[in-house]
Amino acid sequence: MAIVIELDVQLAKRKMKSIELAAAIGITPQNLSILRSGRAKAIRFSTLEAICQHLSCQPGDILRYLDEPANT
């Protein structure tokens, strides 16, 4: 199972840099980088809400679930 972060796609659609988004939603560029790279273990709903509000998108536009087949 894997959750894929597609924040870069949303940023590219809006021609926005991650540092601009980080400043707009009040998190550090480093924390946003961890989220963008998929290395984050969790995300606060308040952060997800701020991202969605600023990018005018839905959580499903940023997060995608991939069901990986089981190894048999």
C-alpha atoms as a PDB file:
ATOM      1  CA  MET A   1       0.000   0.000   0.000  1.00  0.00           C
ATOM      2  CA  ALA A   2       1.256   3.475  -0.789  1.00  0.00           C
ATOM      3  CA  ILE A   3       0.015   7.010  -0.515  1.00  0.00           C
ATOM      4  CA  VAL A   4       1.401   9.140  -3.332  1.00  0.00           C
ATOM      5  CA  ILE A   5       1.765  12.888  -2.851  1.00  0.00           C
ATOM      6  CA  GLU A   6       0.943  14.810  -6.016  1.00  0.00           C
ATOM      7  CA  LEU A   7       1.558  18.285  -4.671  1.00  0.00           C
ATOM      8  CA  ASP A   8       4.110  19.010  -7.411  1.00  0.00           C
ATOM      9  CA  VAL A   9       1.403  18.463 -10.028  1.00  0.00           C
ATOM     10  CA  GLN A  10      -0.853  21.038  -8.396  1.00  0.00           C
ATOM     11  CA  LEU A  11       2.002  23.511  -8.039  1.00  0.00           C
ATOM     12  CA  ALA A  12       2.963  23.084 -11.700  1.00  0.00           C
ATOM     13  CA  LYS A  13      -0.636  23.659 -12.832  1.00  0.00           C
ATOM     14  CA  ARG A  14      -0.560  26.991 -10.998  1.00  0.00           C
ATOM     15  CA  LYS A  15       3.030  27.851 -11.976  1.00  0.00           C
ATOM     16  CA  MET A  16       3.812  28.262  -8.287  1.00  0.00           C
ATOM     17  CA  LYS A  17       7.036  27.485  -6.472  1.00  0.00           C
ATOM     18  CA  SER A  18       6.974  25.421  -3.310  1.00  0.00           C
ATOM     19  CA  ILE A  19       8.673  28.210  -1.366  1.00  0.00           C
ATOM     20  CA  GLU A  20       5.760  30.501  -2.284  1.00  0.00           C
ATOM     21  CA  LEU A  21       3.240  27.947  -1.042  1.00  0.00           C
ATOM     22  CA  ALA A  22       5.194  27.368   2.168  1.00  0.00           C
ATOM     23  CA  ALA A  23       5.204  31.097   2.916  1.00  0.00           C
ATOM     24  CA  ALA A  24       1.511  31.441   2.061  1.00  0.00           C
ATOM     25  CA  ILE A  25       0.385  28.645   4.378  1.00  0.00           C
ATOM     26  CA  GLY A  26       2.863  29.310   7.179  1.00  0.00           C
ATOM     27  CA  ILE A  27       5.096  26.240   7.173  1.00  0.00           C
ATOM     28  CA  THR A  28       8.818  25.972   6.565  1.00  0.00           C
ATOM     29  CA  PRO A  29      10.088  25.171   3.084  1.00  0.00           C
ATOM     30  CA  GLN A  30      11.870  22.168   4.625  1.00  0.00           C
ATOM     31  CA  ASN A  31       8.623  20.725   5.999  1.00  0.00           C
ATOM     32  CA  LEU A  32       6.889  21.250   2.665  1.00  0.00           C
ATOM     33  CA  SER A  33       9.818  19.522   0.942  1.00  0.00           C
ATOM     34  CA  ILE A  34       9.422  16.505   3.236  1.00  0.00           C
ATOM     35  CA  LEU A  35       5.732  16.357   2.337  1.00  0.00           C
ATOM     36  CA  ARG A  36       6.370  16.781  -1.406  1.00  0.00           C
ATOM     37  CA  SER A  37       8.974  14.031  -1.459  1.00  0.00           C
ATOM     38  CA  GLY A  38       6.666  11.521   0.230  1.00  0.00           C
ATOM     39  CA  ARG A  39       8.935  11.181   3.267  1.00  0.00           C
ATOM     40  CA  ALA A  40       6.332  12.591   5.674  1.00  0.00           C
ATOM     41  CA  LYS A  41       4.853  10.093   8.124  1.00  0.00           C
ATOM     42  CA  ALA A  42       1.804  12.284   8.809  1.00  0.00           C
ATOM     43  CA  ILE A  43       0.137  15.541   7.827  1.00  0.00           C
ATOM     44  CA  ARG A  44      -1.995  17.733  10.052  1.00  0.00           C
ATOM     45  CA  PHE A  45      -5.497  18.356   8.807  1.00  0.00           C
ATOM     46  CA  SER A  46      -4.903  22.073   9.343  1.00  0.00           C
ATOM     47  CA  THR A  47      -1.910  21.928   6.967  1.00  0.00           C
ATOM     48  CA  LEU A  48      -3.861  19.925   4.391  1.00  0.00           C
ATOM     49  CA  GLU A  49      -6.741  22.385   4.696  1.00  0.00           C
ATOM     50  CA  ALA A  50      -4.406  25.366   4.209  1.00  0.00           C
ATOM     51  CA  ILE A  51      -2.829  23.769   1.121  1.00  0.00           C
ATOM     52  CA  CYS A  52      -6.230  22.986  -0.394  1.00  0.00           C
ATOM     53  CA  GLN A  53      -7.551  26.442   0.408  1.00  0.00           C
ATOM     54  CA  HIS A  54      -4.551  28.206  -1.104  1.00  0.00           C
ATOM     55  CA  LEU A  55      -4.449  25.994  -4.221  1.00  0.00           C
ATOM     56  CA  SER A  56      -8.259  25.848  -4.571  1.00  0.00           C
ATOM     57  CA  CYS A  57      -8.212  22.063  -4.768  1.00  0.00           C
ATOM     58  CA  GLN A  58      -9.488  18.991  -2.946  1.00  0.00           C
ATOM     59  CA  PRO A  59      -7.410  16.641  -0.759  1.00  0.00           C
ATOM     60  CA  GLY A  60      -7.832  13.971  -3.438  1.00  0.00           C
ATOM     61  CA  ASP A  61      -6.021  16.252  -5.887  1.00  0.00           C
ATOM     62  CA  ILE A  62      -2.951  16.062  -3.629  1.00  0.00           C
ATOM     63  CA  LEU A  63      -3.137  12.574  -2.112  1.00  0.00           C
ATOM     64  CA  ARG A  64      -3.579   9.374  -4.102  1.00  0.00           C
ATOM     65  CA  TYR A  65      -3.759   5.799  -2.846  1.00  0.00           C
ATOM     66  CA  LEU A  66      -2.024   3.029  -4.780  1.00  0.00           C
ATOM     67  CA  ASP A  67      -2.896  -0.517  -3.915  1.00  0.00           C
ATOM     68  CA  GLU A  68       0.259  -2.506  -4.508  1.00  0.00           C
ATOM     69  CA  PRO A  69      -0.235  -6.222  -5.212  1.00  0.00           C
ATOM     70  CA  ALA A  70       0.787  -8.580  -2.423  1.00  0.00           C
ATOM     71  CA  ASN A  71       3.954 -10.566  -2.938  1.00  0.00           C
ATOM     72  CA  THR A  72       3.082 -14.282  -3.150  1.00  0.00           C
END
